[in-house]
Amino acid sequence: MMLSPQAAAIKAGVSRKTIMNNIKSLELAAHRNNQNHWAIRPSDLANWMKAREERSPQVRSENTRDIPSSMFTSQHELDALRAQLELNFIKQRLEASEHDKEQLKKEVTELKAELKKTRADVNEVWRKFTETLADFAKPHKKRSPFLLTKDMRVYGDDDEITNLFTD
């Protein structure tokens, strides 16, 4: 049997205006019947009363005790359990991604340190290379600069070069 807003208000111990405001805000499920009047299922009213009582316990109505607990649908409980499971799953995924994020941060830090060391090694090699080249370009105090002369000979298959330095 469907309830009118007035009958629902009496059953819930609230005013008709409260029922209508909750219907308009979609907190209380209701639909229009063939005569274009609001109709409320007793189970929807019971669920609304339970939710209202949970939100603000001081609004507790004495008429709530008249509604048997079997009128509360289990669909809401199933929806709540489903939402809780989804929340737990999302929490686990978040924790896993946080762990992955920490691992990636650690790996990036190690790679940065390795890159810094490699750059330092490469810079050291280039520094030594340029110093060596600069040393070859400088004239030596004990000998004259390196000059190619006609006296340099290549003998045989050994490609042996003799008399590289002039005295």
N, C-alpha and C. Protein backbone atom coordinates (compact mmCIF):
# COMPACT_ATOMS: atom_id res chain seq x y z
N MET A 1 0.84 -1.17 0.00
CA MET A 1 0.00 0.00 0.00
C MET A 1 0.89 1.25 0.00
N MET A 2 0.64 2.16 -0.92
CA MET A 2 1.41 3.39 -1.04
C MET A 2 0.88 4.43 -0.05
N LEU A 3 1.78 5.31 0.37
CA LEU A 3 1.42 6.36 1.32
C LEU A 3 1.40 7.72 0.63
N SER A 4 0.46 8.55 1.03
CA SER A 4 0.44 9.93 0.56
C SER A 4 1.44 10.72 1.39
N PRO A 5 1.82 11.92 0.95
CA PRO A 5 2.74 12.72 1.77
C PRO A 5 2.19 12.99 3.18
N GLN A 6 0.88 13.20 3.30
CA GLN A 6 0.28 13.45 4.61
C GLN A 6 0.38 12.21 5.49
N ALA A 7 0.07 11.04 4.92
CA ALA A 7 0.14 9.81 5.70
C ALA A 7 1.59 9.50 6.08
N ALA A 8 2.52 9.75 5.16
CA ALA A 8 3.93 9.53 5.46
C ALA A 8 4.40 10.46 6.56
N ALA A 9 3.91 11.71 6.55
CA ALA A 9 4.29 12.67 7.58
C ALA A 9 3.79 12.20 8.95
N ILE A 10 2.56 11.71 9.00
CA ILE A 10 2.02 11.21 10.26
C ILE A 10 2.82 10.01 10.73
N LYS A 11 3.11 9.09 9.82
CA LYS A 11 3.86 7.88 10.16
C LYS A 11 5.26 8.23 10.66
N ALA A 12 5.90 9.23 10.03
CA ALA A 12 7.27 9.60 10.40
C ALA A 12 7.32 10.58 11.56
N GLY A 13 6.20 11.18 11.88
CA GLY A 13 6.18 12.13 12.98
C GLY A 13 6.79 13.47 12.61
N VAL A 14 6.66 13.83 11.34
CA VAL A 14 7.15 15.12 10.86
C VAL A 14 6.02 15.83 10.13
N SER A 15 6.27 17.05 9.69
CA SER A 15 5.23 17.79 8.98
C SER A 15 5.19 17.35 7.51
N ARG A 16 4.06 17.65 6.86
CA ARG A 16 3.90 17.34 5.44
C ARG A 16 4.93 18.14 4.63
N LYS A 17 5.21 19.36 5.08
CA LYS A 17 6.18 20.21 4.38
C LYS A 17 7.57 19.57 4.40
N THR A 18 7.95 18.95 5.51
CA THR A 18 9.25 18.26 5.60
C THR A 18 9.30 17.12 4.59
N ILE A 19 8.20 16.37 4.51
CA ILE A 19 8.15 15.27 3.54
C ILE A 19 8.29 15.82 2.13
N MET A 20 7.56 16.87 1.79
CA MET A 20 7.60 17.45 0.45
C MET A 20 8.99 18.00 0.12
N ASN A 21 9.61 18.68 1.08
CA ASN A 21 10.96 19.21 0.86
C ASN A 21 11.96 18.09 0.58
N ASN A 22 11.82 16.96 1.29
CA ASN A 22 12.73 15.84 1.08
C ASN A 22 12.45 15.12 -0.24
N ILE A 23 11.20 15.14 -0.67
CA ILE A 23 10.89 14.57 -1.99
C ILE A 23 11.53 15.43 -3.07
N LYS A 24 11.39 16.75 -2.94
CA LYS A 24 11.97 17.66 -3.94
C LYS A 24 13.49 17.61 -3.96
N SER A 25 14.11 17.39 -2.81
CA SER A 25 15.58 17.32 -2.76
C SER A 25 16.08 15.91 -3.08
N LEU A 26 15.17 15.01 -3.40
CA LEU A 26 15.47 13.62 -3.78
C LEU A 26 16.07 12.80 -2.64
N GLU A 27 15.88 13.24 -1.42
CA GLU A 27 16.32 12.45 -0.28
C GLU A 27 15.31 11.36 0.05
N LEU A 28 14.04 11.61 -0.27
CA LEU A 28 12.99 10.63 -0.04
C LEU A 28 12.45 10.22 -1.40
N ALA A 29 12.53 8.92 -1.68
CA ALA A 29 12.06 8.42 -2.97
C ALA A 29 10.54 8.42 -3.00
N ALA A 30 9.99 8.98 -4.07
CA ALA A 30 8.54 9.01 -4.28
C ALA A 30 8.27 9.13 -5.76
N HIS A 31 7.04 8.82 -6.16
CA HIS A 31 6.67 8.98 -7.57
C HIS A 31 5.21 9.44 -7.64
N ARG A 32 4.83 9.90 -8.79
CA ARG A 32 3.44 10.36 -8.97
C ARG A 32 2.60 9.19 -9.48
N ASN A 33 1.38 9.10 -8.93
CA ASN A 33 0.48 8.03 -9.37
C ASN A 33 -0.39 8.50 -10.53
N ASN A 34 -1.42 7.71 -10.88
CA ASN A 34 -2.28 8.04 -12.03
C ASN A 34 -3.06 9.35 -11.85
N GLN A 35 -3.34 9.73 -10.63
CA GLN A 35 -4.05 10.99 -10.38
C GLN A 35 -3.09 12.16 -10.19
N ASN A 36 -1.82 11.96 -10.49
CA ASN A 36 -0.77 12.97 -10.36
C ASN A 36 -0.55 13.39 -8.90
N HIS A 37 -0.77 12.45 -7.99
CA HIS A 37 -0.51 12.67 -6.56
C HIS A 37 0.78 11.93 -6.20
N TRP A 38 1.50 12.47 -5.22
CA TRP A 38 2.72 11.81 -4.77
C TRP A 38 2.37 10.52 -4.06
N ALA A 39 3.14 9.47 -4.34
CA ALA A 39 2.97 8.18 -3.66
C ALA A 39 4.33 7.74 -3.14
N ILE A 40 4.33 7.30 -1.88
CA ILE A 40 5.59 6.90 -1.22
C ILE A 40 5.46 5.46 -0.76
N ARG A 41 6.44 4.64 -1.08
CA ARG A 41 6.45 3.26 -0.61
C ARG A 41 6.80 3.25 0.88
N PRO A 42 6.17 2.39 1.65
CA PRO A 42 6.51 2.31 3.09
C PRO A 42 7.99 1.97 3.32
N SER A 43 8.57 1.12 2.45
CA SER A 43 9.99 0.78 2.64
C SER A 43 10.88 2.00 2.38
N ASP A 44 10.52 2.84 1.37
CA ASP A 44 11.29 4.05 1.11
C ASP A 44 11.19 5.02 2.29
N LEU A 45 9.99 5.11 2.87
CA LEU A 45 9.81 5.97 4.05
C LEU A 45 10.65 5.46 5.21
N ALA A 46 10.64 4.14 5.42
CA ALA A 46 11.42 3.55 6.52
C ALA A 46 12.92 3.81 6.32
N ASN A 47 13.40 3.64 5.10
CA ASN A 47 14.82 3.91 4.82
C ASN A 47 15.16 5.38 5.03
N TRP A 48 14.29 6.27 4.61
CA TRP A 48 14.51 7.71 4.79
C TRP A 48 14.55 8.05 6.28
N MET A 49 13.62 7.44 7.05
CA MET A 49 13.59 7.71 8.49
C MET A 49 14.87 7.20 9.16
N LYS A 50 15.32 6.04 8.72
CA LYS A 50 16.56 5.49 9.30
C LYS A 50 17.75 6.38 8.96
N ALA A 51 17.84 6.82 7.71
CA ALA A 51 18.94 7.70 7.29
C ALA A 51 18.87 9.03 8.03
N ARG A 52 17.69 9.54 8.20
CA ARG A 52 17.50 10.82 8.91
C ARG A 52 17.91 10.68 10.37
N GLU A 53 17.56 9.54 10.96
CA GLU A 53 17.93 9.30 12.35
C GLU A 53 19.44 9.17 12.50
N GLU A 54 20.11 8.54 11.52
CA GLU A 54 21.57 8.39 11.57
C GLU A 54 22.27 9.73 11.40
N ARG A 55 21.72 10.61 10.56
CA ARG A 55 22.33 11.93 10.35
C ARG A 55 22.22 12.80 11.59
N SER A 56 21.06 12.77 12.23
CA SER A 56 20.87 13.59 13.43
C SER A 56 20.04 12.80 14.44
N PRO A 57 20.72 12.14 15.39
CA PRO A 57 20.03 11.28 16.35
C PRO A 57 19.00 12.00 17.20
N GLN A 58 19.12 13.31 17.40
CA GLN A 58 18.15 14.02 18.23
C GLN A 58 16.79 14.15 17.55
N VAL A 59 16.71 13.87 16.25
CA VAL A 59 15.45 13.96 15.52
C VAL A 59 14.64 12.68 15.69
N ARG A 60 15.10 11.80 16.49
CA ARG A 60 14.47 10.49 16.69
C ARG A 60 12.97 10.65 16.92
N SER A 61 12.25 9.91 16.15
CA SER A 61 10.79 9.96 16.25
C SER A 61 10.27 8.75 17.00
N GLU A 62 9.23 8.94 17.80
CA GLU A 62 8.65 7.82 18.53
C GLU A 62 7.93 6.87 17.58
N ASN A 63 7.48 7.40 16.45
CA ASN A 63 6.75 6.57 15.49
C ASN A 63 7.67 5.61 14.74
N THR A 64 8.97 5.79 14.82
CA THR A 64 9.91 4.92 14.13
C THR A 64 9.81 3.50 14.64
N ARG A 65 9.46 3.35 15.92
CA ARG A 65 9.36 2.01 16.50
C ARG A 65 8.20 1.22 15.91
N ASP A 66 7.22 1.92 15.33
CA ASP A 66 6.05 1.25 14.76
C ASP A 66 6.37 0.54 13.45
N ILE A 67 7.48 0.95 12.79
CA ILE A 67 7.83 0.36 11.50
C ILE A 67 8.70 -0.84 11.74
N PRO A 68 8.28 -2.00 11.25
CA PRO A 68 9.10 -3.20 11.47
C PRO A 68 10.43 -3.10 10.74
N SER A 69 11.48 -3.72 11.31
CA SER A 69 12.81 -3.64 10.73
C SER A 69 12.88 -4.34 9.38
N SER A 70 11.93 -5.24 9.12
CA SER A 70 11.93 -5.93 7.83
C SER A 70 11.61 -5.00 6.68
N MET A 71 11.09 -3.81 6.98
CA MET A 71 10.74 -2.87 5.92
C MET A 71 11.98 -2.19 5.35
N PHE A 72 13.08 -2.21 6.09
CA PHE A 72 14.31 -1.64 5.58
C PHE A 72 14.87 -2.58 4.52
N THR A 73 15.13 -2.05 3.36
CA THR A 73 15.58 -2.91 2.27
C THR A 73 17.05 -3.26 2.45
N SER A 74 17.39 -4.42 1.98
CA SER A 74 18.79 -4.84 2.06
C SER A 74 19.60 -4.26 0.90
N GLN A 75 18.95 -3.67 -0.09
CA GLN A 75 19.66 -3.08 -1.23
C GLN A 75 20.61 -1.98 -0.76
N HIS A 76 20.15 -1.19 0.20
CA HIS A 76 21.01 -0.12 0.71
C HIS A 76 22.22 -0.70 1.43
N GLU A 77 22.00 -1.79 2.16
CA GLU A 77 23.13 -2.44 2.83
C GLU A 77 24.11 -3.00 1.80
N LEU A 78 23.57 -3.60 0.73
CA LEU A 78 24.44 -4.12 -0.32
C LEU A 78 25.22 -3.00 -1.00
N ASP A 79 24.54 -1.90 -1.25
CA ASP A 79 25.22 -0.75 -1.86
C ASP A 79 26.32 -0.23 -0.94
N ALA A 80 26.04 -0.19 0.36
CA ALA A 80 27.04 0.29 1.32
C ALA A 80 28.24 -0.67 1.36
N LEU A 81 27.98 -1.97 1.34
CA LEU A 81 29.07 -2.95 1.34
C LEU A 81 29.88 -2.86 0.06
N ARG A 82 29.20 -2.69 -1.06
CA ARG A 82 29.89 -2.56 -2.34
C ARG A 82 30.78 -1.31 -2.33
N ALA A 83 30.25 -0.22 -1.82
CA ALA A 83 31.03 1.01 -1.74
C ALA A 83 32.24 0.83 -0.82
N GLN A 84 32.04 0.11 0.30
CA GLN A 84 33.15 -0.13 1.23
C GLN A 84 34.23 -0.98 0.57
N LEU A 85 33.81 -2.01 -0.18
CA LEU A 85 34.79 -2.84 -0.89
C LEU A 85 35.56 -2.04 -1.93
N GLU A 86 34.84 -1.20 -2.67
CA GLU A 86 35.51 -0.37 -3.66
C GLU A 86 36.49 0.58 -2.99
N LEU A 87 36.08 1.14 -1.86
CA LEU A 87 36.96 2.04 -1.12
C LEU A 87 38.22 1.30 -0.66
N ASN A 88 38.06 0.09 -0.13
CA ASN A 88 39.23 -0.69 0.30
C ASN A 88 40.15 -1.02 -0.87
N PHE A 89 39.54 -1.37 -2.02
CA PHE A 89 40.34 -1.68 -3.20
C PHE A 89 41.12 -0.45 -3.65
N ILE A 90 40.47 0.71 -3.65
CA ILE A 90 41.13 1.95 -4.06
C ILE A 90 42.24 2.31 -3.07
N LYS A 91 42.01 2.08 -1.79
CA LYS A 91 43.05 2.33 -0.79
C LYS A 91 44.27 1.44 -1.04
N GLN A 92 44.04 0.16 -1.35
CA GLN A 92 45.14 -0.74 -1.62
C GLN A 92 45.92 -0.31 -2.86
N ARG A 93 45.19 0.10 -3.90
CA ARG A 93 45.86 0.57 -5.12
C ARG A 93 46.66 1.83 -4.83
N LEU A 94 46.11 2.71 -3.99
CA LEU A 94 46.82 3.93 -3.63
C LEU A 94 48.10 3.60 -2.87
N GLU A 95 48.02 2.67 -1.93
CA GLU A 95 49.21 2.27 -1.17
C GLU A 95 50.26 1.66 -2.10
N ALA A 96 49.80 0.83 -3.05
CA ALA A 96 50.73 0.22 -3.99
C ALA A 96 51.38 1.28 -4.87
N SER A 97 50.60 2.25 -5.30
CA SER A 97 51.18 3.30 -6.15
C SER A 97 52.12 4.19 -5.34
N GLU A 98 51.83 4.40 -4.07
CA GLU A 98 52.75 5.16 -3.20
C GLU A 98 54.07 4.40 -3.07
N HIS A 99 53.98 3.08 -2.90
CA HIS A 99 55.20 2.26 -2.80
C HIS A 99 55.99 2.35 -4.10
N ASP A 100 55.29 2.22 -5.23
CA ASP A 100 55.95 2.34 -6.54
C ASP A 100 56.59 3.71 -6.70
N LYS A 101 55.89 4.73 -6.25
CA LYS A 101 56.41 6.10 -6.35
C LYS A 101 57.70 6.24 -5.55
N GLU A 102 57.74 5.67 -4.36
CA GLU A 102 58.95 5.72 -3.53
C GLU A 102 60.10 4.96 -4.20
N GLN A 103 59.80 3.81 -4.78
CA GLN A 103 60.83 3.04 -5.47
C GLN A 103 61.38 3.83 -6.66
N LEU A 104 60.48 4.48 -7.41
CA LEU A 104 60.92 5.27 -8.56
C LEU A 104 61.76 6.47 -8.12
N LYS A 105 61.36 7.10 -7.02
CA LYS A 105 62.16 8.22 -6.50
C LYS A 105 63.56 7.75 -6.14
N LYS A 106 63.64 6.58 -5.49
CA LYS A 106 64.94 6.03 -5.10
C LYS A 106 65.78 5.74 -6.35
N GLU A 107 65.15 5.15 -7.36
CA GLU A 107 65.85 4.83 -8.59
C GLU A 107 66.33 6.09 -9.31
N VAL A 108 65.50 7.12 -9.33
CA VAL A 108 65.88 8.39 -9.96
C VAL A 108 67.06 9.00 -9.23
N THR A 109 67.04 8.95 -7.90
CA THR A 109 68.15 9.48 -7.11
C THR A 109 69.45 8.74 -7.42
N GLU A 110 69.36 7.41 -7.51
CA GLU A 110 70.55 6.62 -7.85
C GLU A 110 71.05 6.95 -9.25
N LEU A 111 70.14 7.10 -10.21
CA LEU A 111 70.54 7.43 -11.58
C LEU A 111 71.18 8.82 -11.65
N LYS A 112 70.64 9.75 -10.88
CA LYS A 112 71.24 11.09 -10.86
C LYS A 112 72.66 11.04 -10.31
N ALA A 113 72.86 10.27 -9.25
CA ALA A 113 74.21 10.14 -8.67
C ALA A 113 75.15 9.48 -9.67
N GLU A 114 74.67 8.46 -10.35
CA GLU A 114 75.49 7.78 -11.36
C GLU A 114 75.83 8.72 -12.52
N LEU A 115 74.85 9.49 -12.94
CA LEU A 115 75.08 10.46 -14.02
C LEU A 115 76.09 11.52 -13.60
N LYS A 116 75.99 11.98 -12.38
CA LYS A 116 76.93 12.99 -11.88
C LYS A 116 78.36 12.43 -11.86
N LYS A 117 78.50 11.17 -11.40
CA LYS A 117 79.82 10.54 -11.37
C LYS A 117 80.36 10.34 -12.79
N THR A 118 79.49 9.90 -13.70
CA THR A 118 79.91 9.69 -15.09
C THR A 118 80.35 11.01 -15.72
N ARG A 119 79.61 12.07 -15.47
CA ARG A 119 79.99 13.38 -16.00
C ARG A 119 81.34 13.81 -15.47
N ALA A 120 81.55 13.58 -14.17
CA ALA A 120 82.83 13.94 -13.57
C ALA A 120 83.96 13.12 -14.20
N ASP A 121 83.72 11.83 -14.44
CA ASP A 121 84.74 10.98 -15.08
C ASP A 121 85.03 11.46 -16.49
N VAL A 122 84.00 11.77 -17.24
CA VAL A 122 84.17 12.24 -18.62
C VAL A 122 84.93 13.57 -18.63
N ASN A 123 84.58 14.45 -17.73
CA ASN A 123 85.28 15.74 -17.64
C ASN A 123 86.76 15.53 -17.30
N GLU A 124 87.04 14.57 -16.42
CA GLU A 124 88.43 14.29 -16.06
C GLU A 124 89.20 13.74 -17.26
N VAL A 125 88.58 12.85 -18.04
CA VAL A 125 89.23 12.30 -19.23
C VAL A 125 89.52 13.43 -20.22
N TRP A 126 88.54 14.29 -20.47
CA TRP A 126 88.75 15.40 -21.40
C TRP A 126 89.83 16.37 -20.89
N ARG A 127 89.87 16.60 -19.58
CA ARG A 127 90.89 17.48 -19.01
C ARG A 127 92.28 16.90 -19.25
N LYS A 128 92.45 15.59 -19.00
CA LYS A 128 93.74 14.94 -19.23
C LYS A 128 94.10 14.95 -20.72
N PHE A 129 93.12 14.72 -21.56
CA PHE A 129 93.34 14.71 -23.00
C PHE A 129 93.81 16.08 -23.48
N THR A 130 93.12 17.13 -23.02
CA THR A 130 93.53 18.49 -23.45
C THR A 130 94.89 18.86 -22.88
N GLU A 131 95.20 18.43 -21.66
CA GLU A 131 96.53 18.69 -21.09
C GLU A 131 97.61 17.99 -21.92
N THR A 132 97.34 16.76 -22.32
CA THR A 132 98.31 16.01 -23.14
C THR A 132 98.52 16.69 -24.48
N LEU A 133 97.44 17.12 -25.11
CA LEU A 133 97.56 17.84 -26.37
C LEU A 133 98.32 19.14 -26.20
N ALA A 134 98.05 19.83 -25.11
CA ALA A 134 98.76 21.08 -24.85
C ALA A 134 100.25 20.82 -24.61
N ASP A 135 100.57 19.74 -23.94
CA ASP A 135 101.98 19.39 -23.72
C ASP A 135 102.69 19.10 -25.04
N PHE A 136 102.04 18.44 -25.97
CA PHE A 136 102.65 18.16 -27.27
C PHE A 136 102.88 19.44 -28.06
N ALA A 137 102.04 20.41 -27.87
CA ALA A 137 102.17 21.65 -28.62
C ALA A 137 103.28 22.54 -28.07
N LYS A 138 103.61 22.38 -26.80
CA LYS A 138 104.65 23.21 -26.19
C LYS A 138 106.03 22.69 -26.60
N PRO A 139 106.98 23.60 -26.85
CA PRO A 139 108.35 23.14 -27.12
C PRO A 139 108.99 22.63 -25.84
N HIS A 140 109.78 21.59 -25.98
CA HIS A 140 110.45 21.01 -24.83
C HIS A 140 111.75 21.76 -24.59
N LYS A 141 112.14 21.95 -23.33
CA LYS A 141 113.33 22.72 -22.99
C LYS A 141 114.61 22.03 -23.45
N LYS A 142 114.65 20.70 -23.37
CA LYS A 142 115.88 19.99 -23.69
C LYS A 142 116.02 19.71 -25.18
N ARG A 143 115.00 19.83 -25.92
CA ARG A 143 115.09 19.55 -27.34
C ARG A 143 114.30 20.58 -28.11
N SER A 144 114.60 20.63 -29.35
CA SER A 144 113.88 21.58 -30.20
C SER A 144 112.51 20.99 -30.52
N PRO A 145 111.60 21.78 -31.04
CA PRO A 145 110.25 21.26 -31.35
C PRO A 145 110.34 20.14 -32.38
N PHE A 146 109.36 19.30 -32.38
CA PHE A 146 109.28 18.16 -33.27
C PHE A 146 109.08 18.66 -34.70
N LEU A 147 110.05 18.28 -35.60
CA LEU A 147 109.96 18.69 -37.00
C LEU A 147 110.15 17.47 -37.88
N LEU A 148 109.39 17.39 -38.90
CA LEU A 148 109.58 16.32 -39.88
C LEU A 148 110.67 16.76 -40.86
N THR A 149 111.64 15.89 -41.09
CA THR A 149 112.75 16.23 -41.99
C THR A 149 112.88 15.17 -43.06
N LYS A 150 113.74 15.46 -44.01
CA LYS A 150 113.99 14.50 -45.09
C LYS A 150 114.79 13.32 -44.60
N ASP A 151 115.42 13.45 -43.48
CA ASP A 151 116.24 12.37 -42.96
C ASP A 151 115.42 11.20 -42.43
N MET A 152 114.14 11.41 -42.26
CA MET A 152 113.29 10.32 -41.76
C MET A 152 113.08 9.33 -42.88
N ARG A 153 113.36 8.08 -42.57
CA ARG A 153 113.27 7.05 -43.59
C ARG A 153 112.36 5.94 -43.12
N VAL A 154 111.70 5.30 -44.07
CA VAL A 154 110.90 4.13 -43.78
C VAL A 154 111.61 2.98 -44.47
N TYR A 155 112.01 1.96 -43.69
CA TYR A 155 112.76 0.85 -44.23
C TYR A 155 111.94 -0.43 -44.14
N GLY A 156 111.92 -1.15 -45.20
CA GLY A 156 111.34 -2.49 -45.22
C GLY A 156 109.85 -2.53 -44.92
N ASP A 157 109.41 -3.76 -44.60
CA ASP A 157 108.00 -3.99 -44.34
C ASP A 157 107.62 -3.63 -42.91
N ASP A 158 108.60 -3.39 -42.09
CA ASP A 158 108.30 -3.13 -40.68
C ASP A 158 107.83 -1.71 -40.45
N ASP A 159 107.87 -0.88 -41.48
CA ASP A 159 107.52 0.54 -41.35
C ASP A 159 108.26 1.16 -40.19
N GLU A 160 109.56 0.89 -40.13
CA GLU A 160 110.36 1.40 -39.03
C GLU A 160 110.81 2.82 -39.37
N ILE A 161 110.51 3.70 -38.49
CA ILE A 161 110.88 5.09 -38.71
C ILE A 161 112.11 5.36 -37.86
N THR A 162 113.15 5.92 -38.49
CA THR A 162 114.39 6.22 -37.78
C THR A 162 114.63 7.72 -37.80
N ASN A 163 115.48 8.18 -36.91
CA ASN A 163 115.89 9.54 -36.85
C ASN A 163 114.69 10.49 -36.74
N LEU A 164 113.81 10.22 -35.75
CA LEU A 164 112.63 11.05 -35.60
C LEU A 164 112.95 12.41 -35.00
N PHE A 165 113.96 12.47 -34.19
CA PHE A 165 114.29 13.72 -33.54
C PHE A 165 115.63 14.23 -34.09
N THR A 166 115.67 15.47 -34.38
CA THR A 166 116.95 16.06 -34.82
C THR A 166 117.69 16.53 -33.61
N ASP A 167 119.00 16.34 -33.65
CA ASP A 167 119.80 16.75 -32.49
C ASP A 167 120.33 18.12 -32.67
